[in-house]
Amino acid sequence: MDTPATTSRVVIENVAPRIDGGRFPVKRTVGDTVEVTADVFGDGHDAVAAIVKHKRRGESEWHKTTMQPLLNDRWTATFVVEEMGRYAFTVEGWVDRFATWTSGTTKKLEAGVVSETDLEIGAALVAAGAQRATGPAARLLAE
């Protein structure tokens, strides 16, 4: 699980859409798709991940959409305006420890230098993820 020390290592800038720096609401009609883009990056070589959280005013639960990388540090995700009303959205980013481990271990594997410690780190990441899992993922990992 990410701690405040790891989440603070991710910078989120240039979130769009926005009008006049966010002073005014962006307007859409029912059925329109809202494309959210943002620059999301970390302070080192670790992989990052990001989501867009959105909800209609009055809803208690945020809906989450995984962002996909574009070029360089630019990310994108979309959601659909399903009902009339005001919506809010925000972008969250974090260091993706598993993606970082996967990338590094793949490079070591290709170079023929993977160690037992590398594999133990991966096993620990999977075990920690299994403990946090809920819903169908938790049932699958419990088997």
C-alpha atoms as a PDB file:
ATOM      1  CA  MET A   1       0.000   0.000   0.000  1.00  0.00           C
ATOM      2  CA  ASP A   2       1.283   3.444  -0.853  1.00  0.00           C
ATOM      3  CA  THR A   3       2.208   5.622   2.072  1.00  0.00           C
ATOM      4  CA  PRO A   4       2.112   9.421   2.128  1.00  0.00           C
ATOM      5  CA  ALA A   5       5.862   9.353   1.494  1.00  0.00           C
ATOM      6  CA  THR A   6       5.343   7.571  -1.844  1.00  0.00           C
ATOM      7  CA  THR A   7       2.199   9.365  -2.973  1.00  0.00           C
ATOM      8  CA  SER A   8       3.805  12.772  -2.426  1.00  0.00           C
ATOM      9  CA  ARG A   9       6.489  11.807  -4.942  1.00  0.00           C
ATOM     10  CA  VAL A  10       3.966  12.121  -7.782  1.00  0.00           C
ATOM     11  CA  VAL A  11       3.249  15.479  -9.402  1.00  0.00           C
ATOM     12  CA  ILE A  12      -0.019  16.235 -11.203  1.00  0.00           C
ATOM     13  CA  GLU A  13      -0.142  19.337 -13.398  1.00  0.00           C
ATOM     14  CA  ASN A  14      -2.011  20.830 -16.352  1.00  0.00           C
ATOM     15  CA  VAL A  15      -5.315  19.075 -15.656  1.00  0.00           C
ATOM     16  CA  ALA A  16      -7.864  19.671 -18.423  1.00  0.00           C
ATOM     17  CA  PRO A  17     -10.589  20.453 -19.222  1.00  0.00           C
ATOM     18  CA  ARG A  18     -10.657  23.714 -17.333  1.00  0.00           C
ATOM     19  CA  ILE A  19     -11.772  27.230 -18.052  1.00  0.00           C
ATOM     20  CA  ASP A  20      -9.819  30.212 -16.739  1.00  0.00           C
ATOM     21  CA  GLY A  21      -7.698  28.053 -14.453  1.00  0.00           C
ATOM     22  CA  GLY A  22     -10.746  26.266 -13.041  1.00  0.00           C
ATOM     23  CA  ARG A  23     -12.669  29.391 -12.040  1.00  0.00           C
ATOM     24  CA  PHE A  24     -15.636  28.434 -14.228  1.00  0.00           C
ATOM     25  CA  PRO A  25     -17.340  25.080 -14.804  1.00  0.00           C
ATOM     26  CA  VAL A  26     -16.808  23.169 -18.015  1.00  0.00           C
ATOM     27  CA  LYS A  27     -20.147  22.574 -19.735  1.00  0.00           C
ATOM     28  CA  ARG A  28     -21.335  19.333 -21.302  1.00  0.00           C
ATOM     29  CA  THR A  29     -24.741  17.833 -22.113  1.00  0.00           C
ATOM     30  CA  VAL A  30     -26.177  14.448 -21.160  1.00  0.00           C
ATOM     31  CA  GLY A  31     -24.467  11.742 -23.203  1.00  0.00           C
ATOM     32  CA  ASP A  32     -21.312  13.770 -23.838  1.00  0.00           C
ATOM     33  CA  THR A  33     -17.927  12.273 -23.073  1.00  0.00           C
ATOM     34  CA  VAL A  34     -15.589  14.275 -20.873  1.00  0.00           C
ATOM     35  CA  GLU A  35     -11.948  13.690 -21.744  1.00  0.00           C
ATOM     36  CA  VAL A  36      -9.651  14.446 -18.823  1.00  0.00           C
ATOM     37  CA  THR A  37      -5.943  14.874 -19.457  1.00  0.00           C
ATOM     38  CA  ALA A  38      -3.118  15.652 -17.063  1.00  0.00           C
ATOM     39  CA  ASP A  39       0.640  15.594 -16.749  1.00  0.00           C
ATOM     40  CA  VAL A  40       1.448  12.916 -14.154  1.00  0.00           C
ATOM     41  CA  PHE A  41       5.053  12.125 -13.267  1.00  0.00           C
ATOM     42  CA  GLY A  42       7.290  11.091 -10.418  1.00  0.00           C
ATOM     43  CA  ASP A  43      10.547  12.366  -9.017  1.00  0.00           C
ATOM     44  CA  GLY A  44      12.642   9.415 -10.162  1.00  0.00           C
ATOM     45  CA  HIS A  45      12.563   6.367 -12.394  1.00  0.00           C
ATOM     46  CA  ASP A  46       9.648   4.616 -10.685  1.00  0.00           C
ATOM     47  CA  ALA A  47       6.551   3.898 -12.742  1.00  0.00           C
ATOM     48  CA  VAL A  48       3.466   5.924 -11.917  1.00  0.00           C
ATOM     49  CA  ALA A  49      -0.244   5.231 -12.315  1.00  0.00           C
ATOM     50  CA  ALA A  50      -3.236   7.555 -12.268  1.00  0.00           C
ATOM     51  CA  ILE A  51      -7.006   7.582 -12.121  1.00  0.00           C
ATOM     52  CA  VAL A  52      -9.765  10.098 -12.677  1.00  0.00           C
ATOM     53  CA  LYS A  53     -12.359  10.169  -9.926  1.00  0.00           C
ATOM     54  CA  HIS A  54     -15.692  11.744 -10.843  1.00  0.00           C
ATOM     55  CA  LYS A  55     -19.163  12.082  -9.381  1.00  0.00           C
ATOM     56  CA  ARG A  56     -22.350  14.025  -9.820  1.00  0.00           C
ATOM     57  CA  ARG A  57     -23.189  16.540  -7.104  1.00  0.00           C
ATOM     58  CA  GLY A  58     -25.113  14.779  -4.348  1.00  0.00           C
ATOM     59  CA  GLU A  59     -23.530  11.367  -4.958  1.00  0.00           C
ATOM     60  CA  SER A  60     -21.516   9.980  -2.085  1.00  0.00           C
ATOM     61  CA  GLU A  61     -19.374   7.531  -4.081  1.00  0.00           C
ATOM     62  CA  TRP A  62     -16.690   8.543  -6.540  1.00  0.00           C
ATOM     63  CA  HIS A  63     -16.521   6.639  -9.843  1.00  0.00           C
ATOM     64  CA  LYS A  64     -12.958   5.730 -10.831  1.00  0.00           C
ATOM     65  CA  THR A  65     -11.516   5.471 -14.332  1.00  0.00           C
ATOM     66  CA  THR A  66      -7.942   4.314 -14.947  1.00  0.00           C
ATOM     67  CA  MET A  67      -5.903   6.825 -16.906  1.00  0.00           C
ATOM     68  CA  GLN A  68      -3.843   5.690 -19.879  1.00  0.00           C
ATOM     69  CA  PRO A  69      -0.457   7.161 -20.801  1.00  0.00           C
ATOM     70  CA  LEU A  70      -0.192   9.249 -23.947  1.00  0.00           C
ATOM     71  CA  LEU A  71       3.201  10.762 -24.822  1.00  0.00           C
ATOM     72  CA  ASN A  72       5.884  11.583 -22.288  1.00  0.00           C
ATOM     73  CA  ASP A  73       4.126  12.320 -18.977  1.00  0.00           C
ATOM     74  CA  ARG A  74       0.660  13.095 -20.426  1.00  0.00           C
ATOM     75  CA  TRP A  75      -2.226  10.829 -19.347  1.00  0.00           C
ATOM     76  CA  THR A  76      -5.886  10.595 -20.388  1.00  0.00           C
ATOM     77  CA  ALA A  77      -9.200   9.082 -19.322  1.00  0.00           C
ATOM     78  CA  THR A  78     -12.844   9.685 -20.166  1.00  0.00           C
ATOM     79  CA  PHE A  79     -16.221   9.501 -18.485  1.00  0.00           C
ATOM     80  CA  VAL A  80     -19.758  10.050 -19.758  1.00  0.00           C
ATOM     81  CA  VAL A  81     -22.214  12.618 -18.428  1.00  0.00           C
ATOM     82  CA  GLU A  82     -25.149  10.323 -17.637  1.00  0.00           C
ATOM     83  CA  GLU A  83     -27.567  12.758 -15.973  1.00  0.00           C
ATOM     84  CA  MET A  84     -28.131  16.492 -15.839  1.00  0.00           C
ATOM     85  CA  GLY A  85     -26.409  18.241 -12.982  1.00  0.00           C
ATOM     86  CA  ARG A  86     -23.038  19.395 -11.809  1.00  0.00           C
ATOM     87  CA  TYR A  87     -20.146  16.979 -11.794  1.00  0.00           C
ATOM     88  CA  ALA A  88     -16.801  17.127 -10.055  1.00  0.00           C
ATOM     89  CA  PHE A  89     -13.642  15.325 -11.074  1.00  0.00           C
ATOM     90  CA  THR A  90     -10.142  14.998  -9.718  1.00  0.00           C
ATOM     91  CA  VAL A  91      -6.954  13.233 -10.778  1.00  0.00           C
ATOM     92  CA  GLU A  92      -5.006  11.007  -8.395  1.00  0.00           C
ATOM     93  CA  GLY A  93      -1.560   9.583  -9.064  1.00  0.00           C
ATOM     94  CA  TRP A  94       0.811   7.300  -7.193  1.00  0.00           C
ATOM     95  CA  VAL A  95       4.023   5.345  -7.564  1.00  0.00           C
ATOM     96  CA  ASP A  96       3.158   1.937  -9.031  1.00  0.00           C
ATOM     97  CA  ARG A  97       5.521  -0.344  -7.138  1.00  0.00           C
ATOM     98  CA  PHE A  98       4.482  -3.499  -9.017  1.00  0.00           C
ATOM     99  CA  ALA A  99       4.959  -1.917 -12.467  1.00  0.00           C
ATOM    100  CA  THR A 100       8.333  -0.580 -11.325  1.00  0.00           C
ATOM    101  CA  TRP A 101       9.365  -4.038 -10.093  1.00  0.00           C
ATOM    102  CA  THR A 102       8.089  -5.720 -13.284  1.00  0.00           C
ATOM    103  CA  SER A 103      10.026  -3.338 -15.519  1.00  0.00           C
ATOM    104  CA  GLY A 104      13.251  -3.675 -13.559  1.00  0.00           C
ATOM    105  CA  THR A 105      13.006  -7.446 -13.233  1.00  0.00           C
ATOM    106  CA  THR A 106      12.276  -7.854 -16.959  1.00  0.00           C
ATOM    107  CA  LYS A 107      15.451  -5.914 -17.765  1.00  0.00           C
ATOM    108  CA  LYS A 108      17.446  -8.039 -15.313  1.00  0.00           C
ATOM    109  CA  LEU A 109      15.955 -11.226 -16.770  1.00  0.00           C
ATOM    110  CA  GLU A 110      16.950 -10.186 -20.289  1.00  0.00           C
ATOM    111  CA  ALA A 111      20.471  -9.475 -19.004  1.00  0.00           C
ATOM    112  CA  GLY A 112      20.561 -12.792 -17.133  1.00  0.00           C
ATOM    113  CA  VAL A 113      21.129 -11.226 -13.715  1.00  0.00           C
ATOM    114  CA  VAL A 114      17.835 -11.831 -11.846  1.00  0.00           C
ATOM    115  CA  SER A 115      18.528 -12.752  -8.232  1.00  0.00           C
ATOM    116  CA  GLU A 116      16.513 -14.669  -5.661  1.00  0.00           C
ATOM    117  CA  THR A 117      16.054 -11.373  -3.832  1.00  0.00           C
ATOM    118  CA  ASP A 118      14.385  -9.855  -6.923  1.00  0.00           C
ATOM    119  CA  LEU A 119      11.894 -12.718  -6.964  1.00  0.00           C
ATOM    120  CA  GLU A 120      11.269 -12.440  -3.214  1.00  0.00           C
ATOM    121  CA  ILE A 121      10.483  -8.742  -3.625  1.00  0.00           C
ATOM    122  CA  GLY A 122       7.959  -9.604  -6.350  1.00  0.00           C
ATOM    123  CA  ALA A 123       6.372 -12.288  -4.189  1.00  0.00           C
ATOM    124  CA  ALA A 124       6.038  -9.811  -1.319  1.00  0.00           C
ATOM    125  CA  LEU A 125       4.386  -7.258  -3.617  1.00  0.00           C
ATOM    126  CA  VAL A 126       1.881  -9.865  -4.814  1.00  0.00           C
ATOM    127  CA  ALA A 127       1.161 -11.006  -1.251  1.00  0.00           C
ATOM    128  CA  ALA A 128       0.589  -7.413  -0.112  1.00  0.00           C
ATOM    129  CA  GLY A 129      -1.732  -6.832  -3.058  1.00  0.00           C
ATOM    130  CA  ALA A 130      -3.661  -9.994  -2.245  1.00  0.00           C
ATOM    131  CA  GLN A 131      -4.221  -8.750   1.302  1.00  0.00           C
ATOM    132  CA  ARG A 132      -5.667  -5.461  -0.019  1.00  0.00           C
ATOM    133  CA  ALA A 133      -7.792  -7.084  -2.726  1.00  0.00           C
ATOM    134  CA  THR A 134     -11.577  -6.991  -2.547  1.00  0.00           C
ATOM    135  CA  GLY A 135     -14.435  -8.414  -4.600  1.00  0.00           C
ATOM    136  CA  PRO A 136     -13.726 -10.952  -7.366  1.00  0.00           C
ATOM    137  CA  ALA A 137      -9.957 -10.308  -7.219  1.00  0.00           C
ATOM    138  CA  ALA A 138      -9.872 -11.328  -3.540  1.00  0.00           C
ATOM    139  CA  ARG A 139     -11.730 -14.554  -4.268  1.00  0.00           C
ATOM    140  CA  LEU A 140      -9.413 -15.380  -7.173  1.00  0.00           C
ATOM    141  CA  LEU A 141      -6.276 -14.725  -5.139  1.00  0.00           C
ATOM    142  CA  ALA A 142      -7.582 -16.771  -2.194  1.00  0.00           C
ATOM    143  CA  GLU A 143      -7.784 -19.907  -4.337  1.00  0.00           C
END
